C-alpha atoms as a PDB file:
ATOM      1  CA  VAL A   1      -6.565  -0.927  -8.492  1.00  0.00           C
ATOM      2  CA  ARG A   2      -6.094  -4.659  -8.124  1.00  0.00           C
ATOM      3  CA  VAL A   3      -4.188  -5.654  -5.005  1.00  0.00           C
ATOM      4  CA  ALA A   4      -2.197  -8.885  -4.747  1.00  0.00           C
ATOM      5  CA  CYS A   5      -3.821 -11.478  -2.493  1.00  0.00           C
ATOM      6  CA  GLY A   6      -1.685 -12.220   0.545  1.00  0.00           C
ATOM      7  CA  SER A   7       0.193  -8.922   0.334  1.00  0.00           C
ATOM      8  CA  ARG A   8       0.743  -6.558   3.250  1.00  0.00           C
ATOM      9  CA  LEU A   9      -1.271  -4.019   1.273  1.00  0.00           C
ATOM     10  CA  ALA A  10      -4.246  -6.375   0.941  1.00  0.00           C
ATOM     11  CA  ALA A  11      -4.117  -7.040   4.678  1.00  0.00           C
ATOM     12  CA  ALA A  12      -3.917  -3.322   5.464  1.00  0.00           C
ATOM     13  CA  LEU A  13      -6.747  -2.349   3.118  1.00  0.00           C
ATOM     14  CA  GLY A  14      -8.879  -5.371   3.907  1.00  0.00           C
ATOM     15  CA  ALA A  15      -9.523  -5.702   0.168  1.00  0.00           C
ATOM     16  CA  THR A  16      -7.990  -6.914  -3.078  1.00  0.00           C
ATOM     17  CA  GLU A  17      -9.658  -4.319  -5.257  1.00  0.00           C
ATOM     18  CA  VAL A  18      -9.996  -0.661  -4.318  1.00  0.00           C
ATOM     19  CA  CYS A  19     -11.042   2.577  -5.928  1.00  0.00           C
ATOM     20  CA  VAL A  20      -8.223   5.108  -5.566  1.00  0.00           C
ATOM     21  CA  MET A  21      -7.383   8.675  -6.539  1.00  0.00           C
ATOM     22  CA  SER A  22      -4.494   8.169  -8.908  1.00  0.00           C
ATOM     23  CA  TRP A  23      -2.981  10.251 -11.664  1.00  0.00           C
ATOM     24  CA  HIS A  24       0.565   9.955 -12.935  1.00  0.00           C
ATOM     25  CA  HIS A  25       3.188  11.669 -14.962  1.00  0.00           C
ATOM     26  CA  GLN A  26       5.730   9.125 -13.704  1.00  0.00           C
ATOM     27  CA  ALA A  27       5.451   5.434 -12.886  1.00  0.00           C
ATOM     28  CA  VAL A  28       7.601   2.566 -11.659  1.00  0.00           C
ATOM     29  CA  ASP A  29       9.672   1.145 -14.499  1.00  0.00           C
ATOM     30  CA  ALA A  30      11.928  -1.342 -12.717  1.00  0.00           C
ATOM     31  CA  VAL A  31      11.186  -2.860  -9.321  1.00  0.00           C
ATOM     32  CA  GLY A  32      14.139  -2.621  -6.969  1.00  0.00           C
ATOM     33  CA  GLU A  33      15.791  -5.563  -5.278  1.00  0.00           C
ATOM     34  CA  GLY A  34      13.915  -6.741  -2.211  1.00  0.00           C
ATOM     35  CA  LEU A  35      10.635  -5.174  -3.345  1.00  0.00           C
ATOM     36  CA  SER A  36       7.581  -6.707  -4.939  1.00  0.00           C
ATOM     37  CA  VAL A  37       4.620  -5.230  -6.756  1.00  0.00           C
ATOM     38  CA  SER A  38       1.498  -5.421  -4.625  1.00  0.00           C
ATOM     39  CA  ALA A  39      -0.986  -3.504  -6.806  1.00  0.00           C
ATOM     40  CA  HIS A  40      -1.591  -2.624 -10.454  1.00  0.00           C
ATOM     41  CA  ALA A  41      -3.982  -0.301 -12.237  1.00  0.00           C
ATOM     42  CA  GLU A  42      -6.189  -1.706 -14.994  1.00  0.00           C
ATOM     43  CA  ASP A  43      -3.704  -0.379 -17.565  1.00  0.00           C
ATOM     44  CA  GLY A  44      -0.842  -2.312 -15.940  1.00  0.00           C
ATOM     45  CA  VAL A  45       0.787   0.647 -14.188  1.00  0.00           C
ATOM     46  CA  VAL A  46       2.380  -0.358 -10.890  1.00  0.00           C
ATOM     47  CA  GLU A  47       0.371   1.272  -8.114  1.00  0.00           C
ATOM     48  CA  ALA A  48       2.057  -0.177  -5.014  1.00  0.00           C
ATOM     49  CA  LEU A  49       5.292  -1.790  -3.879  1.00  0.00           C
ATOM     50  CA  GLU A  50       6.229  -3.473  -0.635  1.00  0.00           C
ATOM     51  CA  THR A  51       9.236  -5.133   0.907  1.00  0.00           C
ATOM     52  CA  GLU A  52       9.679  -8.868   0.518  1.00  0.00           C
ATOM     53  CA  ASP A  53      11.093  -9.313   4.035  1.00  0.00           C
ATOM     54  CA  GLY A  54       7.760  -8.862   5.806  1.00  0.00           C
ATOM     55  CA  GLY A  55       8.536  -5.481   7.369  1.00  0.00           C
ATOM     56  CA  TRP A  56       6.153  -2.546   7.151  1.00  0.00           C
ATOM     57  CA  VAL A  57       7.607  -0.975   4.031  1.00  0.00           C
ATOM     58  CA  LEU A  58       4.826  -0.044   1.666  1.00  0.00           C
ATOM     59  CA  GLY A  59       4.637   2.566  -1.067  1.00  0.00           C
ATOM     60  CA  VAL A  60       1.515   3.525  -2.979  1.00  0.00           C
ATOM     61  CA  GLN A  61       1.274   5.582  -6.168  1.00  0.00           C
ATOM     62  CA  TRP A  62      -2.034   7.161  -5.229  1.00  0.00           C
ATOM     63  CA  HIS A  63      -3.295   9.625  -2.648  1.00  0.00           C
ATOM     64  CA  PRO A  64      -5.020   7.755   0.201  1.00  0.00           C
ATOM     65  CA  GLU A  65      -5.033  10.919   2.304  1.00  0.00           C
ATOM     66  CA  LEU A  66      -7.496  12.589  -0.058  1.00  0.00           C
ATOM     67  CA  ASP A  67     -10.410  10.284   0.690  1.00  0.00           C
ATOM     68  CA  ALA A  68      -9.454   8.257   3.768  1.00  0.00           C
ATOM     69  CA  ARG A  69     -12.483   9.514   5.693  1.00  0.00           C
ATOM     70  CA  GLU A  70     -14.980   8.536   2.989  1.00  0.00           C
ATOM     71  CA  ASN A  71     -13.243   5.408   1.680  1.00  0.00           C
ATOM     72  CA  PRO A  72     -12.858   2.817   4.480  1.00  0.00           C
ATOM     73  CA  PRO A  73     -10.012   0.815   2.872  1.00  0.00           C
ATOM     74  CA  GLN A  74      -7.939   4.003   2.596  1.00  0.00           C
ATOM     75  CA  GLY A  75      -8.579   4.758   6.263  1.00  0.00           C
ATOM     76  CA  ARG A  76      -7.528   1.223   7.190  1.00  0.00           C
ATOM     77  CA  LEU A  77      -4.207   1.810   5.416  1.00  0.00           C
ATOM     78  CA  PHE A  78      -3.458   4.645   7.859  1.00  0.00           C
ATOM     79  CA  ASP A  79      -4.718   2.580  10.803  1.00  0.00           C
ATOM     80  CA  ASP A  80      -2.390  -0.283   9.854  1.00  0.00           C
ATOM     81  CA  PHE A  81       0.564   2.085   9.598  1.00  0.00           C
ATOM     82  CA  ALA A  82      -0.256   3.624  12.993  1.00  0.00           C
ATOM     83  CA  ALA A  83      -0.466   0.141  14.536  1.00  0.00           C
ATOM     84  CA  ALA A  84       2.928  -0.773  13.051  1.00  0.00           C
ATOM     85  CA  VAL A  85       4.444   2.393  14.526  1.00  0.00           C
ATOM     86  CA  ALA A  86       2.912   1.645  17.925  1.00  0.00           C
ATOM     87  CA  ASN A  87       4.276  -1.923  17.843  1.00  0.00           C
ATOM     88  CA  TRP A  88       7.725  -0.692  16.853  1.00  0.00           C
ATOM     89  CA  THR A  89       7.692   1.921  19.623  1.00  0.00           C
ATOM     90  CA  ARG A  90       6.839  -0.709  22.255  1.00  0.00           C
ATOM     91  CA  ARG A  91       9.767  -2.877  21.122  1.00  0.00           C
ATOM     92  CA  LYS A  92      12.362  -0.102  21.360  1.00  0.00           C
ATOM     93  CA  PRO A  93      14.792  -0.532  24.286  1.00  0.00           C
END
């Protein structure tokens, strides 16, 4: 998939193009308010969305868990999420 430069997803993956395990019987038709598309498949299907407010809200339409150990960008996606959780936990009162 092609990942938007400057997106949270690109920062998390450390790449703007990644090979993913993706198969669909449903796809995003209309992007909700406050969200932006951060990745597309070659056929134009939306593969990822993220929040526009800069928070760690990120949804992917593929299965990064299936090859995260063999595919470094997929592993970095989980690492970035874990870091966001750790940062949030430290800020809690």
